[in-house]
C-alpha cells in the first residue's frame, strides 16, 4: 500500500492551495483518511479527518478555512486550504486507516508535502 501526496508549495498569506493524496496497492476498503501537519520544532498534529461515513473533523485552527473531501472511486483525499496564514507553514502528511485484501487493518502514511506561507 502506498500513499502519494502532492500539491504543496509556496503561497502568500491569504492565498489558497489544494493538496491531494492517492492511496494505491492491495486495498480492500478505506475507513478514514486524514491530513496531519508538522511544523519545525513542533509535534505532528491532526488537521482534518474524513471517515467512510462522510463525517469530518477539523482542528480548531483551520475550521472555516480548510475543507477535506474524499473521492472513493479514486481512493483519494483532498485538502482545500484557503485564507492561508504563516502559521500554516508545515509539512503536511496524509494518513489512511484501511483494510488490505488480506484482511489486515492498519494505518498508512504518505511521504509529506511542504506548504510554506510567506510573503
C-alpha atoms as a PDB file:
ATOM      1  CA  UNK A   1       0.000   0.000   0.000  1.00  0.00           C
ATOM      2  CA  UNK A   2       1.302   3.444  -0.889  1.00  0.00           C
ATOM      3  CA  UNK A   3       0.031   6.951  -0.282  1.00  0.00           C
ATOM      4  CA  UNK A   4       1.256   9.620  -2.676  1.00  0.00           C
ATOM      5  CA  UNK A   5       0.746  13.222  -1.616  1.00  0.00           C
ATOM      6  CA  UNK A   6       1.089  16.257  -3.847  1.00  0.00           C
ATOM      7  CA  UNK A   7       0.130  19.913  -4.138  1.00  0.00           C
ATOM      8  CA  UNK A   8       2.370  21.651  -1.645  1.00  0.00           C
ATOM      9  CA  UNK A   9       4.318  24.784  -2.423  1.00  0.00           C
ATOM     10  CA  UNK A  10       4.950  28.418  -1.614  1.00  0.00           C
ATOM     11  CA  UNK A  11       1.952  30.704  -1.265  1.00  0.00           C
ATOM     12  CA  UNK A  12       1.425  34.213   0.030  1.00  0.00           C
ATOM     13  CA  UNK A  13      -0.638  34.881   3.152  1.00  0.00           C
ATOM     14  CA  UNK A  14      -4.316  34.861   2.266  1.00  0.00           C
ATOM     15  CA  UNK A  15      -3.741  32.531  -0.654  1.00  0.00           C
ATOM     16  CA  UNK A  16      -5.022  29.044  -1.372  1.00  0.00           C
ATOM     17  CA  UNK A  17      -3.618  25.608  -2.078  1.00  0.00           C
ATOM     18  CA  UNK A  18      -5.120  22.215  -2.735  1.00  0.00           C
ATOM     19  CA  UNK A  19      -3.390  19.071  -1.520  1.00  0.00           C
ATOM     20  CA  UNK A  20      -4.120  15.632  -2.929  1.00  0.00           C
ATOM     21  CA  UNK A  21      -3.256  12.178  -1.658  1.00  0.00           C
ATOM     22  CA  UNK A  22      -3.921   8.978  -3.569  1.00  0.00           C
ATOM     23  CA  UNK A  23      -3.807   5.552  -1.972  1.00  0.00           C
ATOM     24  CA  UNK A  24      -2.856   2.581  -4.115  1.00  0.00           C
ATOM     25  CA  UNK A  25      -1.974  -1.073  -3.775  1.00  0.00           C
ATOM     26  CA  UNK A  26      -3.710  -4.076  -2.252  1.00  0.00           C
ATOM     27  CA  UNK A  27      -6.581  -2.155  -0.674  1.00  0.00           C
ATOM     28  CA  UNK A  28      -9.884  -3.781   0.186  1.00  0.00           C
ATOM     29  CA  UNK A  29     -11.516  -0.795   1.831  1.00  0.00           C
ATOM     30  CA  UNK A  30     -10.557   2.513   3.381  1.00  0.00           C
ATOM     31  CA  UNK A  31     -12.069   3.575   6.692  1.00  0.00           C
ATOM     32  CA  UNK A  32     -10.802   7.068   7.328  1.00  0.00           C
ATOM     33  CA  UNK A  33      -8.423   9.411   5.554  1.00  0.00           C
ATOM     34  CA  UNK A  34      -6.816  12.382   7.181  1.00  0.00           C
ATOM     35  CA  UNK A  35      -4.280  15.151   6.908  1.00  0.00           C
ATOM     36  CA  UNK A  36      -1.727  15.882   9.591  1.00  0.00           C
ATOM     37  CA  UNK A  37       0.958  18.523   9.670  1.00  0.00           C
ATOM     38  CA  UNK A  38       4.230  19.062  11.449  1.00  0.00           C
ATOM     39  CA  UNK A  39       5.830  22.460  11.756  1.00  0.00           C
ATOM     40  CA  UNK A  40       9.531  22.840  12.596  1.00  0.00           C
ATOM     41  CA  UNK A  41      10.138  22.124  16.255  1.00  0.00           C
ATOM     42  CA  UNK A  42       6.544  21.015  16.866  1.00  0.00           C
ATOM     43  CA  UNK A  43       4.715  17.733  17.172  1.00  0.00           C
ATOM     44  CA  UNK A  44       2.648  16.325  14.357  1.00  0.00           C
ATOM     45  CA  UNK A  45      -0.977  17.385  14.707  1.00  0.00           C
ATOM     46  CA  UNK A  46      -4.248  16.367  13.123  1.00  0.00           C
ATOM     47  CA  UNK A  47      -5.533  18.944  10.661  1.00  0.00           C
ATOM     48  CA  UNK A  48      -8.623  17.265   9.237  1.00  0.00           C
ATOM     49  CA  UNK A  49     -10.177  13.824   9.007  1.00  0.00           C
ATOM     50  CA  UNK A  50     -12.881  12.301   6.827  1.00  0.00           C
ATOM     51  CA  UNK A  51     -14.427   8.961   7.716  1.00  0.00           C
ATOM     52  CA  UNK A  52     -16.081   6.470   5.403  1.00  0.00           C
ATOM     53  CA  UNK A  53     -19.379   7.651   6.822  1.00  0.00           C
ATOM     54  CA  UNK A  54     -18.721  11.167   5.499  1.00  0.00           C
ATOM     55  CA  UNK A  55     -18.053  12.544   8.965  1.00  0.00           C
ATOM     56  CA  UNK A  56     -15.424  15.253   9.013  1.00  0.00           C
ATOM     57  CA  UNK A  57     -13.386  16.678  11.852  1.00  0.00           C
ATOM     58  CA  UNK A  58     -11.126  19.705  11.850  1.00  0.00           C
ATOM     59  CA  UNK A  59      -8.559  21.246  14.122  1.00  0.00           C
ATOM     60  CA  UNK A  60      -9.906  24.436  15.647  1.00  0.00           C
ATOM     61  CA  UNK A  61      -7.109  26.395  13.999  1.00  0.00           C
ATOM     62  CA  UNK A  62      -8.301  25.530  10.478  1.00  0.00           C
ATOM     63  CA  UNK A  63     -12.092  25.451  10.869  1.00  0.00           C
ATOM     64  CA  UNK A  64     -13.760  27.626   8.282  1.00  0.00           C
ATOM     65  CA  UNK A  65     -10.610  27.834   6.175  1.00  0.00           C
ATOM     66  CA  UNK A  66      -9.764  24.227   5.226  1.00  0.00           C
ATOM     67  CA  UNK A  67     -12.044  21.634   3.656  1.00  0.00           C
ATOM     68  CA  UNK A  68     -11.329  17.921   3.466  1.00  0.00           C
ATOM     69  CA  UNK A  69     -13.006  15.752   0.872  1.00  0.00           C
ATOM     70  CA  UNK A  70     -12.700  12.228  -0.466  1.00  0.00           C
ATOM     71  CA  UNK A  71     -13.198  10.538  -3.813  1.00  0.00           C
ATOM     72  CA  UNK A  72     -13.951   6.931  -3.001  1.00  0.00           C
ATOM     73  CA  UNK A  73     -13.684   5.837  -6.606  1.00  0.00           C
ATOM     74  CA  UNK A  74     -10.070   7.015  -6.708  1.00  0.00           C
ATOM     75  CA  UNK A  75      -9.069   6.281  -3.071  1.00  0.00           C
ATOM     76  CA  UNK A  76      -8.045   9.909  -2.914  1.00  0.00           C
ATOM     77  CA  UNK A  77      -8.337  12.577  -0.249  1.00  0.00           C
ATOM     78  CA  UNK A  78      -8.074  16.302  -0.823  1.00  0.00           C
ATOM     79  CA  UNK A  79      -7.421  19.263   1.428  1.00  0.00           C
ATOM     80  CA  UNK A  80      -8.560  22.608   0.098  1.00  0.00           C
ATOM     81  CA  UNK A  81      -6.790  25.310   2.063  1.00  0.00           C
ATOM     82  CA  UNK A  82      -7.884  28.935   1.870  1.00  0.00           C
ATOM     83  CA  UNK A  83      -7.004  32.121   3.745  1.00  0.00           C
ATOM     84  CA  UNK A  84      -3.618  30.632   4.499  1.00  0.00           C
ATOM     85  CA  UNK A  85      -1.567  32.085   7.319  1.00  0.00           C
ATOM     86  CA  UNK A  86       2.160  31.918   8.032  1.00  0.00           C
ATOM     87  CA  UNK A  87       1.397  29.624  10.959  1.00  0.00           C
ATOM     88  CA  UNK A  88       0.015  27.070   8.487  1.00  0.00           C
ATOM     89  CA  UNK A  89       3.566  26.513   7.270  1.00  0.00           C
ATOM     90  CA  UNK A  90       4.423  22.857   7.812  1.00  0.00           C
ATOM     91  CA  UNK A  91       4.986  19.523   6.171  1.00  0.00           C
ATOM     92  CA  UNK A  92       1.577  18.033   5.519  1.00  0.00           C
ATOM     93  CA  UNK A  93       1.143  14.265   5.714  1.00  0.00           C
ATOM     94  CA  UNK A  94      -1.804  12.199   4.585  1.00  0.00           C
ATOM     95  CA  UNK A  95      -2.932   9.164   6.512  1.00  0.00           C
ATOM     96  CA  UNK A  96      -5.300   6.339   5.709  1.00  0.00           C
ATOM     97  CA  UNK A  97      -6.726   3.660   8.018  1.00  0.00           C
ATOM     98  CA  UNK A  98      -7.613   0.749   5.791  1.00  0.00           C
ATOM     99  CA  UNK A  99      -8.089  -2.978   5.263  1.00  0.00           C
ATOM    100  CA  UNK A 100      -5.793  -4.753   2.857  1.00  0.00           C
ATOM    101  CA  UNK A 101      -7.014  -7.505   0.587  1.00  0.00           C
ATOM    102  CA  UNK A 102      -5.512  -9.934   3.109  1.00  0.00           C
ATOM    103  CA  UNK A 103      -7.797  -8.584   5.800  1.00  0.00           C
ATOM    104  CA  UNK A 104      -5.194  -6.628   7.780  1.00  0.00           C
ATOM    105  CA  UNK A 105      -6.283  -3.305   9.279  1.00  0.00           C
ATOM    106  CA  UNK A 106      -3.622  -0.671   9.701  1.00  0.00           C
ATOM    107  CA  UNK A 107      -2.706   2.953   9.238  1.00  0.00           C
ATOM    108  CA  UNK A 108      -0.524   4.147   6.391  1.00  0.00           C
ATOM    109  CA  UNK A 109       1.300   7.427   5.836  1.00  0.00           C
ATOM    110  CA  UNK A 110       2.221   9.419   2.776  1.00  0.00           C
ATOM    111  CA  UNK A 111       5.640  10.960   2.284  1.00  0.00           C
ATOM    112  CA  UNK A 112       4.677  14.526   3.206  1.00  0.00           C
ATOM    113  CA  UNK A 113       4.388  17.672   1.160  1.00  0.00           C
ATOM    114  CA  UNK A 114       5.759  21.044   2.248  1.00  0.00           C
ATOM    115  CA  UNK A 115       3.466  24.045   2.477  1.00  0.00           C
ATOM    116  CA  UNK A 116       5.147  27.393   3.016  1.00  0.00           C
ATOM    117  CA  UNK A 117       3.070  30.503   3.620  1.00  0.00           C
ATOM    118  CA  UNK A 118       5.209  33.580   3.285  1.00  0.00           C
ATOM    119  CA  UNK A 119       5.290  36.943   1.578  1.00  0.00           C
END
